[in-house]
N, C-alpha and C. Protein backbone atom coordinates (compact mmCIF):
# COMPACT_ATOMS: atom_id res chain seq x y z
N MET A 1 89.52 7.80 37.47
CA MET A 1 90.61 7.05 36.83
C MET A 1 91.05 7.72 35.54
N LYS A 2 90.08 8.19 34.74
CA LYS A 2 90.43 8.87 33.50
C LYS A 2 91.21 10.14 33.79
N PHE A 3 90.77 10.87 34.84
CA PHE A 3 91.47 12.10 35.22
C PHE A 3 92.91 11.80 35.60
N LEU A 4 93.10 10.70 36.37
CA LEU A 4 94.45 10.32 36.79
C LEU A 4 95.31 9.97 35.59
N ASN A 5 94.75 9.19 34.65
CA ASN A 5 95.51 8.81 33.46
C ASN A 5 95.87 10.04 32.63
N ASP A 6 94.90 10.97 32.49
CA ASP A 6 95.17 12.19 31.72
C ASP A 6 96.27 13.01 32.36
N THR A 7 96.23 13.09 33.70
CA THR A 7 97.25 13.86 34.42
C THR A 7 98.63 13.24 34.25
N LEU A 8 98.69 11.90 34.37
CA LEU A 8 99.97 11.21 34.21
C LEU A 8 100.51 11.38 32.79
N ASN A 9 99.60 11.38 31.80
CA ASN A 9 100.03 11.55 30.42
C ASN A 9 100.60 12.95 30.18
N ILE A 10 100.07 13.93 30.93
CA ILE A 10 100.61 15.29 30.81
C ILE A 10 101.99 15.37 31.45
N LEU A 11 102.09 14.78 32.67
CA LEU A 11 103.36 14.83 33.39
C LEU A 11 104.42 13.93 32.76
N PHE A 12 103.98 12.75 32.30
CA PHE A 12 104.89 11.78 31.70
C PHE A 12 104.30 11.33 30.37
N PRO A 13 104.42 12.14 29.34
CA PRO A 13 103.79 11.82 28.06
C PRO A 13 104.36 10.54 27.45
N PRO A 14 103.51 9.80 26.73
CA PRO A 14 103.99 8.58 26.08
C PRO A 14 105.15 8.86 25.13
N LYS A 15 106.05 7.88 25.03
CA LYS A 15 107.16 7.97 24.09
C LYS A 15 107.16 6.71 23.24
N CYS A 16 107.45 6.86 21.98
CA CYS A 16 107.50 5.73 21.07
C CYS A 16 108.42 4.65 21.62
N VAL A 17 107.92 3.41 21.67
CA VAL A 17 108.70 2.32 22.24
C VAL A 17 109.90 1.94 21.37
N LEU A 18 109.90 2.42 20.13
CA LEU A 18 111.01 2.09 19.23
C LEU A 18 112.06 3.20 19.14
N CYS A 19 111.63 4.47 19.16
CA CYS A 19 112.59 5.55 18.95
C CYS A 19 112.56 6.62 20.05
N SER A 20 111.64 6.48 21.01
CA SER A 20 111.53 7.39 22.16
C SER A 20 111.03 8.79 21.79
N LYS A 21 110.46 8.95 20.62
CA LYS A 21 109.89 10.24 20.25
C LYS A 21 108.63 10.48 21.07
N THR A 22 108.53 11.64 21.70
CA THR A 22 107.40 11.95 22.57
C THR A 22 106.12 12.16 21.76
N GLY A 23 105.02 11.66 22.29
CA GLY A 23 103.72 11.88 21.66
C GLY A 23 102.78 10.71 21.79
N GLN A 24 103.24 9.52 21.40
CA GLN A 24 102.42 8.32 21.52
C GLN A 24 103.32 7.10 21.56
N TRP A 25 102.70 5.95 21.88
CA TRP A 25 103.50 4.74 22.11
C TRP A 25 104.16 4.23 20.83
N LEU A 26 103.58 4.49 19.69
CA LEU A 26 104.23 4.25 18.41
C LEU A 26 104.10 5.53 17.59
N CYS A 27 105.22 6.16 17.27
CA CYS A 27 105.18 7.43 16.56
C CYS A 27 104.68 7.24 15.13
N ILE A 28 104.48 8.32 14.44
CA ILE A 28 103.92 8.27 13.08
C ILE A 28 104.79 7.43 12.14
N ASN A 29 106.09 7.36 12.41
CA ASN A 29 106.99 6.59 11.57
C ASN A 29 106.94 5.09 11.85
N HIS A 30 106.49 4.73 13.05
CA HIS A 30 106.47 3.32 13.44
C HIS A 30 105.07 2.75 13.67
N ASP A 31 104.06 3.60 13.55
CA ASP A 31 102.69 3.14 13.81
C ASP A 31 102.12 2.45 12.57
N THR A 32 102.73 1.35 12.21
CA THR A 32 102.28 0.53 11.09
C THR A 32 101.47 -0.64 11.65
N PRO A 33 100.69 -1.35 10.82
CA PRO A 33 99.88 -2.46 11.32
C PRO A 33 100.70 -3.48 12.10
N LEU A 34 100.16 -3.91 13.21
CA LEU A 34 100.83 -4.91 14.03
C LEU A 34 100.62 -6.30 13.43
N LYS A 35 101.62 -7.12 13.54
CA LYS A 35 101.56 -8.47 12.96
C LYS A 35 100.48 -9.29 13.65
N PRO A 36 99.52 -9.83 12.91
CA PRO A 36 98.46 -10.61 13.54
C PRO A 36 98.97 -11.96 14.06
N ALA A 37 98.30 -12.46 15.05
CA ALA A 37 98.66 -13.77 15.60
C ALA A 37 98.30 -14.87 14.61
N THR A 38 99.12 -15.89 14.58
CA THR A 38 98.82 -17.08 13.79
C THR A 38 98.52 -18.23 14.74
N SER A 39 97.96 -19.28 14.23
CA SER A 39 97.66 -20.44 15.08
C SER A 39 98.96 -21.08 15.54
N ASN A 40 98.93 -21.67 16.74
CA ASN A 40 100.11 -22.38 17.21
C ASN A 40 99.75 -23.81 17.57
N HIS A 41 100.68 -24.52 18.17
CA HIS A 41 100.46 -25.94 18.42
C HIS A 41 100.14 -26.25 19.88
N ALA A 42 99.82 -25.22 20.65
CA ALA A 42 99.46 -25.45 22.05
C ALA A 42 98.17 -26.25 22.13
N GLN A 43 98.13 -27.18 23.07
CA GLN A 43 96.96 -28.03 23.25
C GLN A 43 96.20 -27.57 24.49
N TYR A 44 94.95 -27.17 24.29
CA TYR A 44 94.12 -26.70 25.40
C TYR A 44 93.10 -27.78 25.75
N LYS A 45 93.13 -28.25 26.97
CA LYS A 45 92.22 -29.30 27.39
C LYS A 45 90.88 -28.74 27.86
N TYR A 46 90.90 -27.52 28.37
CA TYR A 46 89.70 -27.00 29.04
C TYR A 46 89.13 -25.74 28.39
N LEU A 47 89.94 -24.98 27.69
CA LEU A 47 89.44 -23.79 27.01
C LEU A 47 88.54 -24.19 25.85
N ASP A 48 87.43 -23.52 25.70
CA ASP A 48 86.55 -23.77 24.56
C ASP A 48 87.03 -23.03 23.32
N ASN A 49 87.69 -21.90 23.55
CA ASN A 49 88.17 -21.10 22.42
C ASN A 49 89.16 -20.07 22.94
N ILE A 50 90.14 -19.73 22.11
CA ILE A 50 91.08 -18.68 22.47
C ILE A 50 91.29 -17.77 21.27
N SER A 51 91.22 -16.47 21.51
CA SER A 51 91.40 -15.49 20.45
C SER A 51 92.61 -14.63 20.79
N ALA A 52 93.68 -14.76 20.01
CA ALA A 52 94.89 -13.95 20.19
C ALA A 52 94.93 -12.91 19.08
N GLN A 53 95.25 -11.68 19.43
CA GLN A 53 95.15 -10.58 18.48
C GLN A 53 96.42 -10.38 17.65
N PHE A 54 97.57 -10.39 18.32
CA PHE A 54 98.83 -10.07 17.64
C PHE A 54 99.87 -11.14 17.89
N SER A 55 100.92 -11.10 17.07
CA SER A 55 102.04 -12.02 17.25
C SER A 55 103.09 -11.38 18.14
N TYR A 56 103.53 -12.11 19.15
CA TYR A 56 104.55 -11.59 20.05
C TYR A 56 105.91 -11.50 19.36
N SER A 57 106.02 -12.10 18.19
CA SER A 57 107.27 -12.01 17.43
C SER A 57 107.44 -10.64 16.78
N ASP A 58 106.37 -9.87 16.71
CA ASP A 58 106.45 -8.51 16.18
C ASP A 58 107.16 -7.63 17.21
N PRO A 59 108.31 -7.04 16.87
CA PRO A 59 109.04 -6.22 17.85
C PRO A 59 108.20 -5.10 18.45
N LYS A 60 107.29 -4.53 17.66
CA LYS A 60 106.45 -3.45 18.17
C LYS A 60 105.51 -3.97 19.26
N VAL A 61 104.91 -5.13 19.01
CA VAL A 61 104.02 -5.74 19.99
C VAL A 61 104.79 -6.09 21.26
N GLN A 62 105.94 -6.71 21.09
CA GLN A 62 106.75 -7.13 22.23
C GLN A 62 107.19 -5.94 23.08
N LYS A 63 107.63 -4.89 22.44
CA LYS A 63 108.10 -3.71 23.18
C LYS A 63 106.93 -3.01 23.88
N CYS A 64 105.78 -2.95 23.23
CA CYS A 64 104.61 -2.33 23.86
C CYS A 64 104.20 -3.09 25.11
N ILE A 65 104.16 -4.41 25.03
CA ILE A 65 103.73 -5.21 26.17
C ILE A 65 104.75 -5.14 27.30
N LYS A 66 106.03 -5.17 26.97
CA LYS A 66 107.05 -5.04 28.01
C LYS A 66 107.01 -3.67 28.65
N GLN A 67 106.73 -2.65 27.85
CA GLN A 67 106.58 -1.29 28.39
C GLN A 67 105.42 -1.25 29.39
N MET A 68 104.33 -1.90 29.04
CA MET A 68 103.16 -1.94 29.91
C MET A 68 103.46 -2.67 31.22
N LYS A 69 104.12 -3.81 31.14
CA LYS A 69 104.30 -4.67 32.30
C LYS A 69 105.45 -4.24 33.21
N PHE A 70 106.56 -3.86 32.62
CA PHE A 70 107.77 -3.68 33.41
C PHE A 70 108.21 -2.23 33.59
N ARG A 71 107.54 -1.30 32.89
CA ARG A 71 107.89 0.11 33.06
C ARG A 71 106.69 0.93 33.52
N PHE A 72 105.73 0.21 34.13
CA PHE A 72 104.60 0.84 34.81
C PHE A 72 103.76 1.74 33.89
N SER A 73 103.62 1.32 32.63
CA SER A 73 102.82 2.09 31.67
C SER A 73 101.50 1.37 31.43
N ALA A 74 100.65 1.35 32.47
CA ALA A 74 99.40 0.59 32.40
C ALA A 74 98.48 1.09 31.30
N ASP A 75 98.53 2.40 30.99
CA ASP A 75 97.60 2.95 30.01
C ASP A 75 97.89 2.50 28.59
N ILE A 76 99.02 1.82 28.38
CA ILE A 76 99.31 1.31 27.04
C ILE A 76 98.31 0.21 26.66
N ALA A 77 97.60 -0.34 27.65
CA ALA A 77 96.57 -1.33 27.36
C ALA A 77 95.50 -0.74 26.45
N ASP A 78 95.11 0.51 26.69
CA ASP A 78 94.11 1.17 25.84
C ASP A 78 94.64 1.32 24.41
N PHE A 79 95.89 1.71 24.30
CA PHE A 79 96.52 1.90 22.99
C PHE A 79 96.47 0.62 22.17
N LEU A 80 96.78 -0.51 22.80
CA LEU A 80 96.80 -1.79 22.08
C LEU A 80 95.38 -2.29 21.79
N VAL A 81 94.49 -2.17 22.78
CA VAL A 81 93.12 -2.64 22.58
C VAL A 81 92.43 -1.88 21.46
N GLN A 82 92.74 -0.60 21.32
CA GLN A 82 92.14 0.20 20.25
C GLN A 82 92.56 -0.28 18.86
N LYS A 83 93.59 -1.09 18.80
CA LYS A 83 94.04 -1.63 17.52
C LYS A 83 93.45 -3.01 17.26
N THR A 84 92.54 -3.47 18.12
CA THR A 84 91.89 -4.76 17.96
C THR A 84 90.42 -4.55 17.64
N SER A 85 89.67 -5.64 17.63
CA SER A 85 88.22 -5.58 17.39
C SER A 85 87.48 -6.20 18.57
N PRO A 86 87.52 -5.54 19.73
CA PRO A 86 86.89 -6.12 20.92
C PRO A 86 85.38 -6.30 20.80
N GLN A 87 84.76 -5.58 19.85
CA GLN A 87 83.31 -5.72 19.69
C GLN A 87 82.94 -7.12 19.24
N GLU A 88 83.93 -7.90 18.80
CA GLU A 88 83.65 -9.27 18.38
C GLU A 88 83.49 -10.22 19.56
N ILE A 89 83.81 -9.78 20.78
CA ILE A 89 83.62 -10.63 21.95
C ILE A 89 82.14 -10.82 22.21
N ASN A 90 81.74 -12.05 22.40
CA ASN A 90 80.36 -12.39 22.68
C ASN A 90 79.89 -11.69 23.95
N LYS A 91 78.79 -10.96 23.87
CA LYS A 91 78.27 -10.20 25.01
C LYS A 91 77.81 -11.11 26.14
N ASP A 92 77.60 -12.38 25.87
CA ASP A 92 77.18 -13.32 26.91
C ASP A 92 78.35 -13.74 27.80
N LEU A 93 79.56 -13.40 27.40
CA LEU A 93 80.74 -13.82 28.16
C LEU A 93 81.11 -12.77 29.21
N MET A 94 81.31 -13.22 30.44
CA MET A 94 81.77 -12.33 31.50
C MET A 94 83.29 -12.25 31.44
N LEU A 95 83.83 -11.03 31.33
CA LEU A 95 85.28 -10.86 31.31
C LEU A 95 85.86 -11.14 32.69
N VAL A 96 86.87 -12.00 32.74
CA VAL A 96 87.54 -12.33 33.99
C VAL A 96 89.05 -12.22 33.76
N PRO A 97 89.69 -11.19 34.29
CA PRO A 97 91.15 -11.07 34.12
C PRO A 97 91.88 -12.23 34.78
N VAL A 98 92.91 -12.74 34.11
CA VAL A 98 93.75 -13.77 34.72
C VAL A 98 94.49 -13.12 35.89
N PRO A 99 94.32 -13.64 37.10
CA PRO A 99 94.88 -12.96 38.27
C PRO A 99 96.37 -13.25 38.45
N MET A 100 97.02 -12.42 39.23
CA MET A 100 98.38 -12.69 39.68
C MET A 100 98.38 -12.75 41.21
N HIS A 101 99.35 -13.44 41.77
CA HIS A 101 99.44 -13.54 43.22
C HIS A 101 99.65 -12.14 43.82
N TRP A 102 99.11 -11.93 45.00
CA TRP A 102 99.13 -10.58 45.59
C TRP A 102 100.55 -10.05 45.76
N THR A 103 101.52 -10.93 45.99
CA THR A 103 102.90 -10.46 46.17
C THR A 103 103.47 -9.91 44.87
N ARG A 104 103.15 -10.57 43.76
CA ARG A 104 103.63 -10.10 42.46
C ARG A 104 102.91 -8.82 42.05
N ARG A 105 101.63 -8.76 42.38
CA ARG A 105 100.89 -7.53 42.08
C ARG A 105 101.45 -6.36 42.88
N LEU A 106 101.82 -6.61 44.12
CA LEU A 106 102.41 -5.56 44.95
C LEU A 106 103.71 -5.06 44.35
N GLU A 107 104.51 -5.98 43.81
CA GLU A 107 105.78 -5.60 43.18
C GLU A 107 105.54 -4.70 41.96
N ARG A 108 104.55 -5.07 41.14
CA ARG A 108 104.31 -4.35 39.89
C ARG A 108 103.43 -3.12 40.09
N GLY A 109 102.53 -3.19 41.04
CA GLY A 109 101.64 -2.06 41.28
C GLY A 109 100.29 -2.20 40.61
N PHE A 110 100.15 -3.14 39.70
CA PHE A 110 98.88 -3.38 39.02
C PHE A 110 98.94 -4.73 38.33
N ASN A 111 97.77 -5.21 37.94
CA ASN A 111 97.68 -6.44 37.15
C ASN A 111 97.36 -6.04 35.72
N GLN A 112 98.27 -6.29 34.80
CA GLN A 112 98.07 -5.85 33.42
C GLN A 112 96.84 -6.49 32.78
N SER A 113 96.47 -7.68 33.21
CA SER A 113 95.28 -8.34 32.66
C SER A 113 94.02 -7.56 33.02
N GLU A 114 93.99 -6.99 34.22
CA GLU A 114 92.86 -6.16 34.62
C GLU A 114 92.80 -4.89 33.76
N LYS A 115 93.95 -4.29 33.50
CA LYS A 115 94.00 -3.08 32.68
C LYS A 115 93.51 -3.37 31.26
N ILE A 116 93.85 -4.53 30.74
CA ILE A 116 93.40 -4.90 29.39
C ILE A 116 91.89 -5.10 29.39
N ALA A 117 91.36 -5.79 30.41
CA ALA A 117 89.92 -6.01 30.50
C ALA A 117 89.18 -4.68 30.62
N GLN A 118 89.71 -3.76 31.41
CA GLN A 118 89.08 -2.45 31.56
C GLN A 118 89.11 -1.68 30.24
N ALA A 119 90.20 -1.82 29.49
CA ALA A 119 90.28 -1.16 28.18
C ALA A 119 89.26 -1.75 27.22
N LEU A 120 89.03 -3.06 27.31
CA LEU A 120 88.02 -3.71 26.47
C LEU A 120 86.63 -3.16 26.77
N VAL A 121 86.34 -2.94 28.05
CA VAL A 121 85.03 -2.40 28.44
C VAL A 121 84.88 -0.96 27.97
N ARG A 122 85.96 -0.20 28.03
CA ARG A 122 85.88 1.19 27.54
C ARG A 122 85.57 1.23 26.05
N GLU A 123 86.08 0.24 25.31
CA GLU A 123 85.80 0.17 23.88
C GLU A 123 84.41 -0.39 23.61
N ASN A 124 83.92 -1.20 24.52
CA ASN A 124 82.59 -1.79 24.37
C ASN A 124 81.91 -1.86 25.73
N PRO A 125 81.15 -0.82 26.12
CA PRO A 125 80.55 -0.72 27.45
C PRO A 125 79.56 -1.83 27.78
N GLU A 126 79.12 -2.60 26.79
CA GLU A 126 78.17 -3.67 27.07
C GLU A 126 78.84 -4.84 27.77
N LEU A 127 80.15 -4.92 27.71
CA LEU A 127 80.87 -6.00 28.37
C LEU A 127 80.95 -5.73 29.86
N GLU A 128 81.05 -6.82 30.65
CA GLU A 128 81.17 -6.70 32.10
C GLU A 128 82.39 -7.46 32.59
N ILE A 129 82.92 -6.99 33.73
CA ILE A 129 84.10 -7.62 34.32
C ILE A 129 83.77 -8.14 35.72
N LYS A 130 84.32 -9.30 36.04
CA LYS A 130 84.31 -9.80 37.41
C LYS A 130 85.77 -10.02 37.83
N TYR A 131 86.09 -9.57 39.05
CA TYR A 131 87.44 -9.73 39.57
C TYR A 131 87.51 -10.83 40.63
N SER A 132 86.62 -11.79 40.53
CA SER A 132 86.46 -12.79 41.59
C SER A 132 87.47 -13.93 41.52
N LEU A 133 88.12 -14.11 40.38
CA LEU A 133 89.12 -15.18 40.28
C LEU A 133 90.42 -14.70 40.92
N LYS A 134 90.91 -15.44 41.91
CA LYS A 134 92.11 -15.06 42.64
C LYS A 134 93.19 -16.13 42.48
N LYS A 135 94.42 -15.70 42.56
CA LYS A 135 95.54 -16.64 42.54
C LYS A 135 96.06 -16.76 43.97
N ILE A 136 95.89 -17.92 44.55
CA ILE A 136 96.23 -18.10 45.96
C ILE A 136 97.59 -18.76 46.15
N LYS A 137 98.19 -19.18 45.06
CA LYS A 137 99.48 -19.86 45.13
C LYS A 137 100.52 -19.03 44.38
N LYS A 138 101.64 -18.75 45.03
CA LYS A 138 102.71 -18.01 44.38
C LYS A 138 103.51 -18.97 43.50
N THR A 139 103.27 -18.91 42.23
CA THR A 139 103.90 -19.83 41.29
C THR A 139 105.20 -19.25 40.75
N LYS A 140 106.01 -20.12 40.17
CA LYS A 140 107.24 -19.67 39.52
C LYS A 140 106.86 -19.03 38.19
N ARG A 141 107.72 -18.19 37.67
CA ARG A 141 107.47 -17.56 36.38
C ARG A 141 107.50 -18.62 35.28
N GLN A 142 106.47 -18.63 34.44
CA GLN A 142 106.33 -19.65 33.41
C GLN A 142 107.52 -19.67 32.45
N SER A 143 108.09 -18.50 32.18
CA SER A 143 109.19 -18.41 31.22
C SER A 143 110.43 -19.15 31.70
N GLN A 144 110.49 -19.47 33.00
CA GLN A 144 111.65 -20.14 33.57
C GLN A 144 111.49 -21.65 33.60
N LEU A 145 110.35 -22.15 33.13
CA LEU A 145 110.03 -23.57 33.28
C LEU A 145 109.93 -24.30 31.94
N THR A 146 110.06 -25.62 32.01
CA THR A 146 109.82 -26.44 30.82
C THR A 146 108.33 -26.58 30.62
N LYS A 147 107.93 -27.13 29.48
CA LYS A 147 106.51 -27.29 29.19
C LYS A 147 105.83 -28.18 30.23
N ALA A 148 106.50 -29.27 30.63
CA ALA A 148 105.93 -30.17 31.61
C ALA A 148 105.81 -29.49 32.98
N GLU A 149 106.82 -28.70 33.33
CA GLU A 149 106.80 -28.01 34.62
C GLU A 149 105.72 -26.94 34.66
N ARG A 150 105.41 -26.32 33.52
CA ARG A 150 104.41 -25.25 33.48
C ARG A 150 103.03 -25.77 33.88
N ALA A 151 102.71 -26.96 33.44
CA ALA A 151 101.39 -27.53 33.76
C ALA A 151 101.25 -27.75 35.27
N LYS A 152 102.30 -28.28 35.91
CA LYS A 152 102.26 -28.54 37.35
C LYS A 152 102.32 -27.25 38.16
N ASN A 153 102.95 -26.24 37.60
CA ASN A 153 103.17 -24.99 38.31
C ASN A 153 101.86 -24.33 38.73
N ASN A 154 100.81 -24.50 37.95
CA ASN A 154 99.54 -23.81 38.21
C ASN A 154 98.46 -24.69 38.83
N GLN A 155 98.84 -25.91 39.24
CA GLN A 155 97.87 -26.77 39.89
C GLN A 155 97.48 -26.18 41.25
N ASN A 156 96.19 -26.17 41.52
CA ASN A 156 95.65 -25.66 42.80
C ASN A 156 96.04 -24.21 43.07
N ALA A 157 96.18 -23.43 42.00
CA ALA A 157 96.63 -22.05 42.15
C ALA A 157 95.49 -21.05 42.23
N PHE A 158 94.26 -21.45 41.83
CA PHE A 158 93.17 -20.48 41.68
C PHE A 158 92.01 -20.76 42.65
N ARG A 159 91.33 -19.68 43.02
CA ARG A 159 90.10 -19.79 43.81
C ARG A 159 89.13 -18.71 43.35
N TRP A 160 87.83 -19.04 43.39
CA TRP A 160 86.78 -18.08 43.05
C TRP A 160 86.23 -17.50 44.34
N LYS A 161 86.28 -16.19 44.48
CA LYS A 161 85.87 -15.52 45.72
C LYS A 161 84.50 -14.85 45.62
N GLY A 162 83.87 -14.91 44.46
CA GLY A 162 82.59 -14.24 44.27
C GLY A 162 81.42 -15.04 44.80
N ALA A 163 80.30 -14.36 45.00
CA ALA A 163 79.09 -15.00 45.51
C ALA A 163 78.39 -15.81 44.43
N THR A 164 78.48 -15.35 43.18
CA THR A 164 77.84 -16.04 42.08
C THR A 164 78.89 -16.46 41.04
N ILE A 165 78.57 -17.54 40.34
CA ILE A 165 79.49 -18.06 39.33
C ILE A 165 78.86 -17.86 37.96
N PRO A 166 79.53 -17.14 37.05
CA PRO A 166 78.98 -16.93 35.71
C PRO A 166 78.87 -18.24 34.94
N GLU A 167 77.94 -18.27 34.01
CA GLU A 167 77.78 -19.47 33.19
C GLU A 167 78.84 -19.52 32.09
N LYS A 168 79.19 -18.34 31.56
CA LYS A 168 80.17 -18.27 30.47
C LYS A 168 81.20 -17.19 30.80
N VAL A 169 82.47 -17.55 30.65
CA VAL A 169 83.55 -16.66 31.04
C VAL A 169 84.51 -16.45 29.87
N CYS A 170 85.07 -15.24 29.80
CA CYS A 170 86.15 -14.97 28.86
C CYS A 170 87.36 -14.50 29.67
N LEU A 171 88.36 -15.36 29.78
CA LEU A 171 89.58 -14.99 30.48
C LEU A 171 90.36 -13.98 29.64
N VAL A 172 90.92 -12.98 30.28
CA VAL A 172 91.65 -11.92 29.59
C VAL A 172 93.09 -11.91 30.09
N ASP A 173 94.04 -11.89 29.14
CA ASP A 173 95.45 -11.87 29.53
C ASP A 173 96.26 -11.12 28.47
N ASP A 174 97.53 -10.90 28.77
CA ASP A 174 98.36 -10.16 27.83
C ASP A 174 99.01 -11.06 26.79
N VAL A 175 99.68 -12.13 27.23
CA VAL A 175 100.40 -13.00 26.30
C VAL A 175 100.12 -14.45 26.64
N VAL A 176 99.95 -15.28 25.62
CA VAL A 176 99.83 -16.71 25.81
C VAL A 176 100.92 -17.39 24.99
N ALA A 177 101.62 -18.34 25.61
CA ALA A 177 102.67 -19.10 24.90
C ALA A 177 102.25 -20.58 24.90
N SER A 178 102.64 -21.32 25.92
CA SER A 178 102.22 -22.72 25.99
C SER A 178 100.74 -22.82 26.33
N GLY A 179 100.22 -21.81 26.99
CA GLY A 179 98.81 -21.83 27.38
C GLY A 179 98.55 -22.53 28.70
N ALA A 180 99.61 -22.91 29.42
CA ALA A 180 99.44 -23.69 30.65
C ALA A 180 98.68 -22.93 31.72
N THR A 181 99.01 -21.66 31.91
CA THR A 181 98.35 -20.87 32.96
C THR A 181 96.87 -20.68 32.66
N ILE A 182 96.58 -20.26 31.45
CA ILE A 182 95.19 -19.95 31.10
C ILE A 182 94.34 -21.22 31.03
N ASP A 183 94.95 -22.35 30.66
CA ASP A 183 94.21 -23.61 30.63
C ASP A 183 93.97 -24.11 32.05
N ALA A 184 94.92 -23.88 32.94
CA ALA A 184 94.73 -24.27 34.35
C ALA A 184 93.61 -23.45 34.97
N ALA A 185 93.54 -22.17 34.64
CA ALA A 185 92.44 -21.33 35.13
C ALA A 185 91.11 -21.82 34.59
N ALA A 186 91.09 -22.21 33.31
CA ALA A 186 89.87 -22.74 32.70
C ALA A 186 89.45 -24.04 33.37
N ALA A 187 90.42 -24.90 33.67
CA ALA A 187 90.12 -26.17 34.34
C ALA A 187 89.46 -25.92 35.69
N TYR A 188 90.00 -24.98 36.44
CA TYR A 188 89.42 -24.67 37.75
C TYR A 188 88.02 -24.11 37.61
N LEU A 189 87.84 -23.17 36.67
CA LEU A 189 86.52 -22.55 36.49
C LEU A 189 85.47 -23.59 36.13
N LYS A 190 85.83 -24.53 35.27
CA LYS A 190 84.86 -25.58 34.91
C LYS A 190 84.58 -26.51 36.09
N SER A 191 85.57 -26.68 36.96
CA SER A 191 85.36 -27.56 38.11
C SER A 191 84.38 -26.97 39.12
N ILE A 192 84.18 -25.65 39.07
CA ILE A 192 83.24 -25.02 40.02
C ILE A 192 81.90 -24.68 39.35
N GLY A 193 81.74 -25.09 38.09
CA GLY A 193 80.43 -24.95 37.48
C GLY A 193 80.31 -24.02 36.29
N VAL A 194 81.39 -23.37 35.87
CA VAL A 194 81.32 -22.54 34.66
C VAL A 194 81.14 -23.45 33.45
N LYS A 195 80.18 -23.14 32.59
CA LYS A 195 79.86 -24.01 31.46
C LYS A 195 80.83 -23.85 30.29
N GLU A 196 81.18 -22.60 30.00
CA GLU A 196 82.07 -22.32 28.87
C GLU A 196 83.17 -21.37 29.33
N VAL A 197 84.40 -21.66 28.89
CA VAL A 197 85.52 -20.78 29.19
C VAL A 197 86.25 -20.46 27.89
N HIS A 198 86.20 -19.19 27.53
CA HIS A 198 86.91 -18.69 26.36
C HIS A 198 88.08 -17.83 26.85
N ALA A 199 88.92 -17.39 25.94
CA ALA A 199 90.03 -16.53 26.31
C ALA A 199 90.28 -15.50 25.22
N TRP A 200 90.66 -14.31 25.65
CA TRP A 200 91.02 -13.21 24.74
C TRP A 200 92.35 -12.67 25.23
N VAL A 201 93.38 -12.75 24.37
CA VAL A 201 94.71 -12.29 24.75
C VAL A 201 95.25 -11.32 23.71
N LEU A 202 96.08 -10.41 24.14
CA LEU A 202 96.66 -9.44 23.21
C LEU A 202 97.62 -10.10 22.22
N ALA A 203 98.46 -11.01 22.73
CA ALA A 203 99.50 -11.56 21.85
C ALA A 203 99.74 -13.03 22.09
N ARG A 204 100.14 -13.71 21.04
CA ARG A 204 100.50 -15.11 21.13
C ARG A 204 102.00 -15.26 20.84
N GLY A 205 102.66 -15.98 21.72
CA GLY A 205 104.07 -16.29 21.51
C GLY A 205 104.27 -17.78 21.55
N GLY A 206 105.50 -18.21 21.50
CA GLY A 206 105.79 -19.64 21.56
C GLY A 206 105.56 -20.33 20.24
N ALA A 207 105.72 -21.66 20.30
CA ALA A 207 105.59 -22.47 19.08
C ALA A 207 104.14 -22.84 18.82
């Protein structure tokens, strides 16, 4: 995988998301500290804790994440994770990427949450990942729904396909706004016996 990423970087070198200068995702003129996430008013019924690293209102953060998701630049996950402190994640927590439905994954070619989790492990090899949480229901895009609709959108959407169930889980995702998706995943995980569900996300948006 590293060889493939290195080869792709040679053939298609990163370009600054703000000015398109070749070299890295934020050039020397724009590689300033990213705006940290602040607390929001989302109500989580099932998550024990959520840690958001950056504010989605920061244009640099927003452009980097959109570049990763919609322009097939999966390796930008490493670039963003390196600007965080993943070593602060409790080693007792099993990393579980928030899944996407197989049809959406086929469209995009990858799940950005998995790429972020893998980048976290590269920064801290003591962490472990399980890919056993699956999304079995093709839901509507959360950005197109009202707050009330978002909660219903993810009902009965998840299934655990693994043989064993971890005691403590850390859900990994790119952006959290209302928190409906990640809280629905937490609700399901607790219903099958997970004792604690935490979350680690790159950016927080919304109110």
